[in-house]
Amino acid sequence: MGLYERHVVPRIINYVCGMKPIRYQRGKVVPLARGTVLEIGIGTGLNLPYYDAAKVEKVIGLDPSEESWKIAGKRAKGLGFPVEFIGLPGERIPLADASVDTVLMTYSLCTIPDPVTALKGMRRVLKPGGELLFCEHGEAPDHGVKTWQGRVNPMWKRCFGGCNLHRPIPDLLSAGGFHVRKLETMYLPGTPKIAAYNYWGSAVPA
């Protein structure tokens, strides 16, 4: 990982993913988390203020970026619940089977190199009765926007830490072993349309 990916990308993502429309999306999904929570791609901790401390026992933040952890650590203080940061030494999530009540994934699936394998790992660590809460941007329904997503994606990935613009979120969830229980979609205002189509909701192991 070069200097740009290590030091610049986390700060760009911290800024972009902290914009008002995205903060509003976080407020719809994060407070639903309960029990022991595994947050996939916790990044710089932008979700931390949105957790309901009355419902959460602990948050385990998974992220490969140590630079992001440093920023997230500052946000983890005084929340009313412990936050534990873990790295990703390989493709396998370093947690035991059936060990978490909620998996939370916001604006992370776009950057995971093998999203289906990652989702199968999330399914593995969920307890019976647990759920996956998600909010992701992805493939747009409009042909013109989808075409531009494909054209721009190679350059976009290089600039934004491997972020993919046009992943088919519901299809990936299904391939990863989940049944989507609730799904809402919309273009977020105030963001580039090629990156603005959001999917959010909840899913359970199929």
N, C-alpha and C. Protein backbone atom coordinates (compact mmCIF):
# COMPACT_ATOMS: atom_id res chain seq x y z
N MET A 1 0.85 -1.19 0.00
CA MET A 1 0.00 0.00 0.00
C MET A 1 0.89 1.25 0.00
N GLY A 2 0.69 2.16 -0.97
CA GLY A 2 1.51 3.35 -1.08
C GLY A 2 1.07 4.46 -0.15
N LEU A 3 1.83 5.57 -0.19
CA LEU A 3 1.53 6.70 0.69
C LEU A 3 0.15 7.29 0.41
N TYR A 4 -0.23 7.34 -0.88
CA TYR A 4 -1.53 7.90 -1.22
C TYR A 4 -2.65 7.07 -0.59
N GLU A 5 -2.57 5.73 -0.77
CA GLU A 5 -3.60 4.86 -0.22
C GLU A 5 -3.60 4.87 1.30
N ARG A 6 -2.40 5.00 1.90
CA ARG A 6 -2.30 4.91 3.36
C ARG A 6 -2.73 6.19 4.06
N HIS A 7 -2.38 7.34 3.50
CA HIS A 7 -2.59 8.60 4.21
C HIS A 7 -3.63 9.52 3.58
N VAL A 8 -3.74 9.52 2.25
CA VAL A 8 -4.63 10.47 1.59
C VAL A 8 -6.04 9.90 1.45
N VAL A 9 -6.14 8.65 0.99
CA VAL A 9 -7.47 8.06 0.74
C VAL A 9 -8.35 8.06 1.99
N PRO A 10 -7.84 7.66 3.19
CA PRO A 10 -8.73 7.69 4.36
C PRO A 10 -9.31 9.06 4.65
N ARG A 11 -8.55 10.12 4.38
CA ARG A 11 -9.05 11.47 4.64
C ARG A 11 -10.05 11.92 3.58
N ILE A 12 -9.83 11.52 2.33
CA ILE A 12 -10.81 11.82 1.28
C ILE A 12 -12.13 11.14 1.59
N ILE A 13 -12.05 9.85 1.95
CA ILE A 13 -13.27 9.09 2.25
C ILE A 13 -13.96 9.65 3.49
N ASN A 14 -13.18 10.05 4.48
CA ASN A 14 -13.75 10.64 5.69
C ASN A 14 -14.56 11.89 5.35
N TYR A 15 -14.04 12.69 4.42
CA TYR A 15 -14.75 13.91 4.02
C TYR A 15 -15.99 13.59 3.19
N VAL A 16 -15.81 12.79 2.13
CA VAL A 16 -16.92 12.51 1.23
C VAL A 16 -18.05 11.77 1.95
N CYS A 17 -17.68 10.76 2.74
CA CYS A 17 -18.68 9.95 3.43
C CYS A 17 -19.26 10.65 4.66
N GLY A 18 -18.77 11.85 4.94
CA GLY A 18 -19.34 12.63 6.03
C GLY A 18 -20.26 13.74 5.54
N MET A 19 -20.56 13.75 4.24
CA MET A 19 -21.45 14.77 3.69
C MET A 19 -22.88 14.58 4.22
N LYS A 20 -23.66 15.65 4.21
CA LYS A 20 -24.97 15.65 4.85
C LYS A 20 -25.91 14.55 4.34
N PRO A 21 -26.07 14.33 3.01
CA PRO A 21 -26.98 13.27 2.57
C PRO A 21 -26.57 11.89 3.08
N ILE A 22 -25.28 11.64 3.17
CA ILE A 22 -24.81 10.34 3.64
C ILE A 22 -24.99 10.24 5.15
N ARG A 23 -24.77 11.32 5.86
CA ARG A 23 -25.04 11.31 7.30
C ARG A 23 -26.51 10.98 7.56
N TYR A 24 -27.39 11.52 6.75
CA TYR A 24 -28.82 11.25 6.90
C TYR A 24 -29.11 9.76 6.69
N GLN A 25 -28.45 9.14 5.72
CA GLN A 25 -28.62 7.71 5.49
C GLN A 25 -28.13 6.89 6.68
N ARG A 26 -27.01 7.27 7.23
CA ARG A 26 -26.49 6.56 8.40
C ARG A 26 -27.51 6.60 9.54
N GLY A 27 -28.17 7.74 9.69
CA GLY A 27 -29.15 7.89 10.76
C GLY A 27 -30.36 7.00 10.61
N LYS A 28 -30.61 6.51 9.39
CA LYS A 28 -31.72 5.59 9.16
C LYS A 28 -31.39 4.16 9.57
N VAL A 29 -30.12 3.78 9.44
CA VAL A 29 -29.74 2.38 9.55
C VAL A 29 -29.02 2.05 10.85
N VAL A 30 -28.03 2.85 11.22
CA VAL A 30 -27.16 2.50 12.34
C VAL A 30 -27.92 2.33 13.66
N PRO A 31 -28.90 3.19 14.00
CA PRO A 31 -29.58 3.03 15.29
C PRO A 31 -30.34 1.72 15.44
N LEU A 32 -30.52 0.96 14.37
CA LEU A 32 -31.22 -0.32 14.45
C LEU A 32 -30.33 -1.44 14.97
N ALA A 33 -29.04 -1.21 15.02
CA ALA A 33 -28.09 -2.24 15.47
C ALA A 33 -28.31 -2.55 16.95
N ARG A 34 -28.08 -3.83 17.30
CA ARG A 34 -28.29 -4.24 18.69
C ARG A 34 -27.26 -5.30 19.09
N GLY A 35 -27.10 -5.44 20.40
CA GLY A 35 -26.22 -6.46 20.94
C GLY A 35 -24.76 -6.25 20.59
N THR A 36 -24.07 -7.34 20.31
CA THR A 36 -22.69 -7.27 19.84
C THR A 36 -22.71 -7.03 18.34
N VAL A 37 -22.10 -5.94 17.92
CA VAL A 37 -22.18 -5.50 16.52
C VAL A 37 -20.81 -5.63 15.85
N LEU A 38 -20.80 -6.23 14.70
CA LEU A 38 -19.61 -6.22 13.85
C LEU A 38 -19.84 -5.19 12.77
N GLU A 39 -19.05 -4.13 12.77
CA GLU A 39 -19.15 -3.12 11.71
C GLU A 39 -18.08 -3.38 10.67
N ILE A 40 -18.51 -3.66 9.47
CA ILE A 40 -17.61 -3.97 8.36
C ILE A 40 -17.11 -2.66 7.75
N GLY A 41 -15.79 -2.50 7.69
CA GLY A 41 -15.22 -1.27 7.13
C GLY A 41 -15.55 -0.07 7.98
N ILE A 42 -15.22 -0.14 9.26
CA ILE A 42 -15.56 0.96 10.17
C ILE A 42 -14.87 2.25 9.77
N GLY A 43 -13.79 2.14 9.02
CA GLY A 43 -13.12 3.34 8.50
C GLY A 43 -12.74 4.31 9.60
N THR A 44 -13.13 5.56 9.43
CA THR A 44 -12.78 6.59 10.40
C THR A 44 -13.83 6.77 11.49
N GLY A 45 -14.78 5.83 11.57
CA GLY A 45 -15.74 5.85 12.66
C GLY A 45 -16.93 6.77 12.47
N LEU A 46 -17.29 7.05 11.23
CA LEU A 46 -18.38 7.98 10.98
C LEU A 46 -19.73 7.47 11.49
N ASN A 47 -19.88 6.16 11.66
CA ASN A 47 -21.14 5.61 12.17
C ASN A 47 -21.27 5.70 13.69
N LEU A 48 -20.16 5.85 14.38
CA LEU A 48 -20.17 5.70 15.83
C LEU A 48 -21.18 6.61 16.55
N PRO A 49 -21.34 7.87 16.16
CA PRO A 49 -22.31 8.71 16.88
C PRO A 49 -23.76 8.30 16.71
N TYR A 50 -24.04 7.41 15.75
CA TYR A 50 -25.42 7.06 15.43
C TYR A 50 -25.92 5.81 16.16
N TYR A 51 -25.03 5.09 16.82
CA TYR A 51 -25.46 3.90 17.55
C TYR A 51 -26.33 4.29 18.74
N ASP A 52 -27.29 3.44 19.05
CA ASP A 52 -28.14 3.61 20.23
C ASP A 52 -27.47 2.86 21.39
N ALA A 53 -26.88 3.61 22.31
CA ALA A 53 -26.12 3.00 23.40
C ALA A 53 -26.99 2.12 24.29
N ALA A 54 -28.29 2.35 24.30
CA ALA A 54 -29.19 1.53 25.10
C ALA A 54 -29.39 0.14 24.50
N LYS A 55 -29.07 -0.03 23.24
CA LYS A 55 -29.29 -1.30 22.55
C LYS A 55 -28.00 -2.05 22.23
N VAL A 56 -26.87 -1.35 22.28
CA VAL A 56 -25.60 -1.94 21.84
C VAL A 56 -24.75 -2.33 23.05
N GLU A 57 -24.24 -3.56 23.03
CA GLU A 57 -23.33 -4.02 24.08
C GLU A 57 -21.88 -3.70 23.74
N LYS A 58 -21.52 -3.90 22.49
CA LYS A 58 -20.15 -3.69 22.03
C LYS A 58 -20.14 -3.56 20.53
N VAL A 59 -19.24 -2.74 20.01
CA VAL A 59 -19.02 -2.64 18.57
C VAL A 59 -17.62 -3.13 18.26
N ILE A 60 -17.54 -4.07 17.33
CA ILE A 60 -16.26 -4.57 16.83
C ILE A 60 -16.07 -3.98 15.44
N GLY A 61 -15.10 -3.12 15.30
CA GLY A 61 -14.88 -2.44 14.03
C GLY A 61 -13.80 -3.14 13.22
N LEU A 62 -14.17 -3.62 12.04
CA LEU A 62 -13.24 -4.33 11.17
C LEU A 62 -12.80 -3.40 10.04
N ASP A 63 -11.50 -3.24 9.89
CA ASP A 63 -11.00 -2.38 8.81
C ASP A 63 -9.53 -2.69 8.56
N PRO A 64 -9.10 -2.74 7.28
CA PRO A 64 -7.69 -3.01 6.99
C PRO A 64 -6.79 -1.78 7.11
N SER A 65 -7.36 -0.58 7.27
CA SER A 65 -6.56 0.64 7.25
C SER A 65 -6.21 1.11 8.66
N GLU A 66 -4.94 1.02 9.01
CA GLU A 66 -4.50 1.48 10.33
C GLU A 66 -4.64 2.99 10.45
N GLU A 67 -4.46 3.70 9.36
CA GLU A 67 -4.60 5.16 9.41
C GLU A 67 -6.04 5.54 9.74
N SER A 68 -6.99 4.81 9.19
CA SER A 68 -8.39 5.06 9.52
C SER A 68 -8.68 4.77 10.98
N TRP A 69 -8.06 3.72 11.52
CA TRP A 69 -8.27 3.37 12.92
C TRP A 69 -7.89 4.53 13.84
N LYS A 70 -6.80 5.22 13.49
CA LYS A 70 -6.34 6.33 14.33
C LYS A 70 -7.41 7.41 14.43
N ILE A 71 -8.06 7.71 13.32
CA ILE A 71 -9.12 8.72 13.32
C ILE A 71 -10.35 8.18 14.05
N ALA A 72 -10.67 6.92 13.81
CA ALA A 72 -11.85 6.33 14.46
C ALA A 72 -11.68 6.26 15.96
N GLY A 73 -10.46 6.02 16.44
CA GLY A 73 -10.22 5.91 17.87
C GLY A 73 -10.62 7.15 18.63
N LYS A 74 -10.45 8.30 18.02
CA LYS A 74 -10.83 9.56 18.66
C LYS A 74 -12.35 9.66 18.80
N ARG A 75 -13.07 9.12 17.83
CA ARG A 75 -14.54 9.17 17.86
C ARG A 75 -15.13 8.10 18.78
N ALA A 76 -14.31 7.14 19.20
CA ALA A 76 -14.80 6.03 19.99
C ALA A 76 -14.85 6.32 21.48
N LYS A 77 -14.42 7.49 21.87
CA LYS A 77 -14.36 7.82 23.29
C LYS A 77 -15.70 8.36 23.79
N GLY A 78 -16.09 7.92 25.00
CA GLY A 78 -17.28 8.45 25.65
C GLY A 78 -18.59 8.11 24.99
N LEU A 79 -18.68 6.93 24.39
CA LEU A 79 -19.90 6.56 23.67
C LEU A 79 -20.92 5.80 24.52
N GLY A 80 -20.49 5.27 25.64
CA GLY A 80 -21.40 4.48 26.46
C GLY A 80 -21.36 3.00 26.17
N PHE A 81 -20.49 2.58 25.25
CA PHE A 81 -20.27 1.16 24.95
C PHE A 81 -18.85 1.01 24.42
N PRO A 82 -18.24 -0.15 24.63
CA PRO A 82 -16.86 -0.34 24.17
C PRO A 82 -16.78 -0.53 22.66
N VAL A 83 -15.69 -0.05 22.08
CA VAL A 83 -15.41 -0.24 20.66
C VAL A 83 -14.06 -0.93 20.53
N GLU A 84 -14.06 -2.05 19.85
CA GLU A 84 -12.84 -2.83 19.63
C GLU A 84 -12.50 -2.80 18.15
N PHE A 85 -11.26 -2.50 17.83
CA PHE A 85 -10.83 -2.45 16.43
C PHE A 85 -10.02 -3.70 16.10
N ILE A 86 -10.37 -4.34 14.99
CA ILE A 86 -9.61 -5.51 14.54
C ILE A 86 -9.25 -5.34 13.07
N GLY A 87 -8.12 -5.90 12.71
CA GLY A 87 -7.68 -5.83 11.32
C GLY A 87 -8.23 -7.01 10.54
N LEU A 88 -7.81 -7.09 9.30
CA LEU A 88 -8.25 -8.17 8.42
C LEU A 88 -7.00 -8.87 7.88
N PRO A 89 -6.50 -9.86 8.64
CA PRO A 89 -5.24 -10.50 8.24
C PRO A 89 -5.36 -11.35 6.98
N GLY A 90 -6.57 -11.72 6.60
CA GLY A 90 -6.80 -12.52 5.40
C GLY A 90 -8.23 -12.33 4.95
N GLU A 91 -8.72 -13.22 4.10
CA GLU A 91 -10.09 -13.11 3.63
C GLU A 91 -11.10 -13.50 4.70
N ARG A 92 -10.69 -14.29 5.70
CA ARG A 92 -11.60 -14.78 6.72
C ARG A 92 -11.73 -13.76 7.85
N ILE A 93 -12.95 -13.41 8.22
CA ILE A 93 -13.19 -12.51 9.34
C ILE A 93 -12.68 -13.19 10.61
N PRO A 94 -11.80 -12.54 11.38
CA PRO A 94 -11.19 -13.20 12.54
C PRO A 94 -12.09 -13.22 13.78
N LEU A 95 -13.28 -13.80 13.62
CA LEU A 95 -14.22 -13.98 14.73
C LEU A 95 -14.80 -15.38 14.65
N ALA A 96 -15.28 -15.87 15.79
CA ALA A 96 -15.86 -17.21 15.85
C ALA A 96 -17.22 -17.26 15.15
N ASP A 97 -17.62 -18.43 14.75
CA ASP A 97 -18.95 -18.63 14.17
C ASP A 97 -20.02 -18.21 15.18
N ALA A 98 -21.12 -17.64 14.67
CA ALA A 98 -22.28 -17.29 15.50
C ALA A 98 -21.87 -16.49 16.73
N SER A 99 -21.11 -15.42 16.53
CA SER A 99 -20.59 -14.65 17.67
C SER A 99 -21.11 -13.22 17.75
N VAL A 100 -21.87 -12.75 16.75
CA VAL A 100 -22.37 -11.37 16.79
C VAL A 100 -23.88 -11.35 16.51
N ASP A 101 -24.54 -10.35 17.07
CA ASP A 101 -25.98 -10.20 16.89
C ASP A 101 -26.34 -9.42 15.63
N THR A 102 -25.48 -8.45 15.30
CA THR A 102 -25.73 -7.58 14.14
C THR A 102 -24.45 -7.40 13.35
N VAL A 103 -24.55 -7.50 12.05
CA VAL A 103 -23.47 -7.04 11.17
C VAL A 103 -23.96 -5.76 10.52
N LEU A 104 -23.16 -4.72 10.62
CA LEU A 104 -23.49 -3.43 10.03
C LEU A 104 -22.51 -3.14 8.90
N MET A 105 -23.03 -2.76 7.75
CA MET A 105 -22.19 -2.50 6.58
C MET A 105 -22.71 -1.25 5.88
N THR A 106 -21.95 -0.17 5.94
CA THR A 106 -22.35 1.07 5.28
C THR A 106 -21.22 1.56 4.38
N TYR A 107 -21.50 1.67 3.11
CA TYR A 107 -20.55 2.20 2.13
C TYR A 107 -19.20 1.48 2.19
N SER A 108 -19.28 0.15 2.33
CA SER A 108 -18.07 -0.67 2.44
C SER A 108 -18.01 -1.75 1.37
N LEU A 109 -19.16 -2.28 0.95
CA LEU A 109 -19.16 -3.40 0.02
C LEU A 109 -18.54 -3.01 -1.32
N CYS A 110 -18.56 -1.73 -1.63
CA CYS A 110 -18.00 -1.25 -2.90
C CYS A 110 -16.50 -1.46 -3.01
N THR A 111 -15.80 -1.53 -1.86
CA THR A 111 -14.34 -1.61 -1.89
C THR A 111 -13.79 -3.01 -1.64
N ILE A 112 -14.64 -3.95 -1.24
CA ILE A 112 -14.16 -5.29 -0.90
C ILE A 112 -13.84 -6.05 -2.19
N PRO A 113 -12.61 -6.56 -2.33
CA PRO A 113 -12.23 -7.21 -3.59
C PRO A 113 -13.12 -8.40 -3.97
N ASP A 114 -13.49 -9.22 -2.98
CA ASP A 114 -14.33 -10.39 -3.25
C ASP A 114 -15.59 -10.27 -2.37
N PRO A 115 -16.58 -9.52 -2.83
CA PRO A 115 -17.73 -9.23 -1.96
C PRO A 115 -18.55 -10.46 -1.58
N VAL A 116 -18.67 -11.44 -2.46
CA VAL A 116 -19.47 -12.62 -2.14
C VAL A 116 -18.82 -13.43 -1.02
N THR A 117 -17.51 -13.63 -1.11
CA THR A 117 -16.80 -14.33 -0.04
C THR A 117 -16.92 -13.58 1.27
N ALA A 118 -16.82 -12.26 1.22
CA ALA A 118 -16.95 -11.44 2.42
C ALA A 118 -18.34 -11.59 3.04
N LEU A 119 -19.36 -11.57 2.22
CA LEU A 119 -20.73 -11.72 2.73
C LEU A 119 -20.96 -13.10 3.34
N LYS A 120 -20.38 -14.12 2.76
CA LYS A 120 -20.48 -15.45 3.36
C LYS A 120 -19.83 -15.47 4.73
N GLY A 121 -18.74 -14.71 4.89
CA GLY A 121 -18.10 -14.61 6.19
C GLY A 121 -18.98 -13.88 7.20
N MET A 122 -19.67 -12.84 6.74
CA MET A 122 -20.59 -12.12 7.63
C MET A 122 -21.72 -13.04 8.07
N ARG A 123 -22.21 -13.84 7.15
CA ARG A 123 -23.28 -14.79 7.48
C ARG A 123 -22.79 -15.79 8.52
N ARG A 124 -21.55 -16.22 8.39
CA ARG A 124 -20.97 -17.20 9.31
C ARG A 124 -20.93 -16.69 10.75
N VAL A 125 -20.58 -15.42 10.94
CA VAL A 125 -20.39 -14.91 12.30
C VAL A 125 -21.69 -14.46 12.96
N LEU A 126 -22.79 -14.40 12.21
CA LEU A 126 -24.06 -14.00 12.79
C LEU A 126 -24.65 -15.12 13.65
N LYS A 127 -25.17 -14.74 14.80
CA LYS A 127 -25.89 -15.68 15.65
C LYS A 127 -27.24 -16.02 15.01
N PRO A 128 -27.84 -17.14 15.39
CA PRO A 128 -29.23 -17.40 14.96
C PRO A 128 -30.13 -16.25 15.40
N GLY A 129 -30.93 -15.77 14.50
CA GLY A 129 -31.78 -14.62 14.80
C GLY A 129 -31.11 -13.28 14.57
N GLY A 130 -29.83 -13.29 14.18
CA GLY A 130 -29.12 -12.05 13.90
C GLY A 130 -29.48 -11.50 12.53
N GLU A 131 -29.05 -10.27 12.27
CA GLU A 131 -29.35 -9.66 10.97
C GLU A 131 -28.21 -8.80 10.47
N LEU A 132 -28.21 -8.62 9.18
CA LEU A 132 -27.28 -7.72 8.50
C LEU A 132 -28.02 -6.43 8.17
N LEU A 133 -27.51 -5.31 8.65
CA LEU A 133 -28.03 -4.00 8.29
C LEU A 133 -27.07 -3.39 7.28
N PHE A 134 -27.61 -2.83 6.21
CA PHE A 134 -26.73 -2.33 5.16
C PHE A 134 -27.23 -1.00 4.59
N CYS A 135 -26.30 -0.22 4.14
CA CYS A 135 -26.57 0.99 3.35
C CYS A 135 -25.39 1.15 2.41
N GLU A 136 -25.65 0.97 1.12
CA GLU A 136 -24.58 0.94 0.13
C GLU A 136 -24.99 1.72 -1.12
N HIS A 137 -24.00 2.26 -1.82
CA HIS A 137 -24.28 2.79 -3.15
C HIS A 137 -23.94 1.70 -4.16
N GLY A 138 -24.56 1.77 -5.33
CA GLY A 138 -24.30 0.72 -6.29
C GLY A 138 -24.91 0.99 -7.65
N GLU A 139 -25.21 -0.09 -8.35
CA GLU A 139 -25.69 -0.03 -9.73
C GLU A 139 -26.98 0.78 -9.83
N ALA A 140 -26.97 1.76 -10.72
CA ALA A 140 -28.16 2.59 -10.94
C ALA A 140 -29.15 1.87 -11.84
N PRO A 141 -30.45 2.17 -11.70
CA PRO A 141 -31.46 1.52 -12.54
C PRO A 141 -31.60 2.14 -13.92
N ASP A 142 -31.09 3.35 -14.10
CA ASP A 142 -31.25 4.06 -15.37
C ASP A 142 -30.10 3.73 -16.31
N HIS A 143 -30.45 3.39 -17.56
CA HIS A 143 -29.44 2.93 -18.51
C HIS A 143 -28.31 3.95 -18.70
N GLY A 144 -28.66 5.23 -18.84
CA GLY A 144 -27.64 6.24 -19.08
C GLY A 144 -26.66 6.37 -17.93
N VAL A 145 -27.19 6.37 -16.71
CA VAL A 145 -26.33 6.48 -15.52
C VAL A 145 -25.47 5.22 -15.40
N LYS A 146 -26.08 4.07 -15.63
CA LYS A 146 -25.35 2.80 -15.53
C LYS A 146 -24.19 2.76 -16.54
N THR A 147 -24.45 3.28 -17.75
CA THR A 147 -23.40 3.32 -18.77
C THR A 147 -22.22 4.15 -18.31
N TRP A 148 -22.50 5.31 -17.74
CA TRP A 148 -21.43 6.18 -17.26
C TRP A 148 -20.72 5.58 -16.05
N GLN A 149 -21.45 4.85 -15.22
CA GLN A 149 -20.79 4.17 -14.11
C GLN A 149 -19.72 3.22 -14.63
N GLY A 150 -20.04 2.47 -15.67
CA GLY A 150 -19.07 1.55 -16.25
C GLY A 150 -17.88 2.26 -16.87
N ARG A 151 -18.13 3.40 -17.50
CA ARG A 151 -17.04 4.13 -18.14
C ARG A 151 -16.08 4.73 -17.12
N VAL A 152 -16.63 5.27 -16.07
CA VAL A 152 -15.83 6.00 -15.08
C VAL A 152 -15.18 5.08 -14.06
N ASN A 153 -15.75 3.88 -13.88
CA ASN A 153 -15.34 3.02 -12.77
C ASN A 153 -13.84 2.73 -12.69
N PRO A 154 -13.13 2.42 -13.78
CA PRO A 154 -11.70 2.12 -13.64
C PRO A 154 -10.91 3.28 -13.02
N MET A 155 -11.16 4.50 -13.46
CA MET A 155 -10.46 5.66 -12.89
C MET A 155 -10.93 5.93 -11.45
N TRP A 156 -12.23 5.78 -11.23
CA TRP A 156 -12.81 6.01 -9.89
C TRP A 156 -12.16 5.09 -8.85
N LYS A 157 -12.00 3.82 -9.22
CA LYS A 157 -11.39 2.85 -8.31
C LYS A 157 -9.99 3.25 -7.92
N ARG A 158 -9.21 3.75 -8.87
CA ARG A 158 -7.83 4.14 -8.59
C ARG A 158 -7.78 5.35 -7.65
N CYS A 159 -8.73 6.25 -7.80
CA CYS A 159 -8.71 7.48 -7.00
C CYS A 159 -9.29 7.31 -5.61
N PHE A 160 -10.23 6.36 -5.46
CA PHE A 160 -10.98 6.26 -4.21
C PHE A 160 -10.84 4.90 -3.54
N GLY A 161 -9.63 4.43 -3.44
CA GLY A 161 -9.34 3.27 -2.62
C GLY A 161 -10.03 1.98 -3.03
N GLY A 162 -10.23 1.77 -4.33
CA GLY A 162 -10.84 0.54 -4.82
C GLY A 162 -12.35 0.55 -4.84
N CYS A 163 -12.97 1.72 -4.64
CA CYS A 163 -14.42 1.83 -4.64
C CYS A 163 -14.99 1.55 -6.03
N ASN A 164 -15.97 0.66 -6.11
CA ASN A 164 -16.67 0.35 -7.35
C ASN A 164 -18.01 1.07 -7.38
N LEU A 165 -18.33 1.67 -8.52
CA LEU A 165 -19.55 2.47 -8.63
C LEU A 165 -20.81 1.65 -8.88
N HIS A 166 -20.68 0.49 -9.51
CA HIS A 166 -21.86 -0.15 -10.09
C HIS A 166 -22.06 -1.60 -9.64
N ARG A 167 -21.83 -1.88 -8.39
CA ARG A 167 -22.08 -3.23 -7.90
C ARG A 167 -23.58 -3.45 -7.68
N PRO A 168 -24.11 -4.60 -8.12
CA PRO A 168 -25.54 -4.91 -7.95
C PRO A 168 -25.80 -5.42 -6.53
N ILE A 169 -26.09 -4.56 -5.62
CA ILE A 169 -26.13 -4.89 -4.20
C ILE A 169 -27.08 -6.04 -3.87
N PRO A 170 -28.35 -6.01 -4.29
CA PRO A 170 -29.24 -7.14 -3.95
C PRO A 170 -28.74 -8.48 -4.47
N ASP A 171 -28.19 -8.50 -5.67
CA ASP A 171 -27.67 -9.75 -6.24
C ASP A 171 -26.50 -10.28 -5.41
N LEU A 172 -25.63 -9.38 -4.97
CA LEU A 172 -24.49 -9.80 -4.16
C LEU A 172 -24.94 -10.34 -2.81
N LEU A 173 -25.91 -9.70 -2.20
CA LEU A 173 -26.43 -10.19 -0.92
C LEU A 173 -26.98 -11.60 -1.07
N SER A 174 -27.72 -11.83 -2.14
CA SER A 174 -28.28 -13.15 -2.39
C SER A 174 -27.18 -14.19 -2.61
N ALA A 175 -26.17 -13.84 -3.40
CA ALA A 175 -25.06 -14.75 -3.68
C ALA A 175 -24.26 -15.05 -2.43
N GLY A 176 -24.27 -14.11 -1.48
CA GLY A 176 -23.54 -14.30 -0.22
C GLY A 176 -24.31 -15.07 0.82
N GLY A 177 -25.52 -15.53 0.48
CA GLY A 177 -26.28 -16.36 1.40
C GLY A 177 -27.29 -15.63 2.25
N PHE A 178 -27.71 -14.44 1.81
CA PHE A 178 -28.68 -13.65 2.57
C PHE A 178 -30.01 -13.53 1.84
N HIS A 179 -31.05 -13.43 2.64
CA HIS A 179 -32.38 -13.09 2.15
C HIS A 179 -32.67 -11.64 2.54
N VAL A 180 -32.93 -10.79 1.57
CA VAL A 180 -33.20 -9.38 1.86
C VAL A 180 -34.61 -9.25 2.42
N ARG A 181 -34.70 -8.80 3.65
CA ARG A 181 -36.00 -8.69 4.32
C ARG A 181 -36.63 -7.32 4.09
N LYS A 182 -35.80 -6.30 3.99
CA LYS A 182 -36.29 -4.95 3.75
C LYS A 182 -35.32 -4.24 2.83
N LEU A 183 -35.83 -3.55 1.82
CA LEU A 183 -34.96 -2.86 0.87
C LEU A 183 -35.62 -1.57 0.41
N GLU A 184 -34.89 -0.47 0.51
CA GLU A 184 -35.31 0.81 -0.02
C GLU A 184 -34.20 1.35 -0.91
N THR A 185 -34.57 2.16 -1.90
CA THR A 185 -33.59 2.70 -2.84
C THR A 185 -33.94 4.13 -3.20
N MET A 186 -32.91 4.89 -3.57
CA MET A 186 -33.12 6.24 -4.08
C MET A 186 -31.78 6.82 -4.51
N TYR A 187 -31.85 7.86 -5.36
CA TYR A 187 -30.67 8.67 -5.65
C TYR A 187 -30.53 9.69 -4.52
N LEU A 188 -29.34 9.77 -3.93
CA LEU A 188 -29.13 10.77 -2.90
C LEU A 188 -28.93 12.14 -3.54
N PRO A 189 -29.56 13.16 -3.00
CA PRO A 189 -29.34 14.51 -3.52
C PRO A 189 -27.96 15.03 -3.14
N GLY A 190 -27.45 15.93 -3.95
CA GLY A 190 -26.21 16.60 -3.59
C GLY A 190 -24.95 15.79 -3.79
N THR A 191 -25.05 14.65 -4.49
CA THR A 191 -23.87 13.84 -4.77
C THR A 191 -23.86 13.51 -6.27
N PRO A 192 -22.67 13.23 -6.84
CA PRO A 192 -22.62 12.88 -8.26
C PRO A 192 -23.54 11.70 -8.56
N LYS A 193 -24.33 11.81 -9.62
CA LYS A 193 -25.36 10.79 -9.87
C LYS A 193 -24.76 9.41 -10.09
N ILE A 194 -23.56 9.32 -10.63
CA ILE A 194 -22.94 8.02 -10.86
C ILE A 194 -22.62 7.31 -9.55
N ALA A 195 -22.55 8.05 -8.44
CA ALA A 195 -22.26 7.45 -7.14
C ALA A 195 -23.41 7.64 -6.16
N ALA A 196 -24.57 8.05 -6.66
CA ALA A 196 -25.65 8.50 -5.77
C ALA A 196 -26.74 7.48 -5.52
N TYR A 197 -26.76 6.36 -6.28
CA TYR A 197 -27.89 5.45 -6.11
C TYR A 197 -27.65 4.57 -4.89
N ASN A 198 -28.51 4.70 -3.88
CA ASN A 198 -28.36 4.00 -2.61
C ASN A 198 -29.36 2.88 -2.43
N TYR A 199 -28.86 1.82 -1.80
CA TYR A 199 -29.67 0.69 -1.36
C TYR A 199 -29.52 0.60 0.15
N TRP A 200 -30.60 0.48 0.89
CA TRP A 200 -30.47 0.27 2.32
C TRP A 200 -31.61 -0.58 2.85
N GLY A 201 -31.31 -1.27 3.96
CA GLY A 201 -32.32 -2.13 4.54
C GLY A 201 -31.69 -3.18 5.45
N SER A 202 -32.33 -4.35 5.49
CA SER A 202 -31.84 -5.43 6.36
C SER A 202 -31.97 -6.76 5.64
N ALA A 203 -31.13 -7.71 6.08
CA ALA A 203 -31.13 -9.04 5.48
C ALA A 203 -30.83 -10.06 6.56
N VAL A 204 -31.29 -11.29 6.34
CA VAL A 204 -31.05 -12.38 7.28
C VAL A 204 -30.49 -13.56 6.50
N PRO A 205 -29.79 -14.46 7.18
CA PRO A 205 -29.27 -15.64 6.49
C PRO A 205 -30.39 -16.41 5.81
N ALA A 206 -30.16 -16.80 4.57
CA ALA A 206 -31.18 -17.54 3.80
C ALA A 206 -31.24 -18.99 4.23
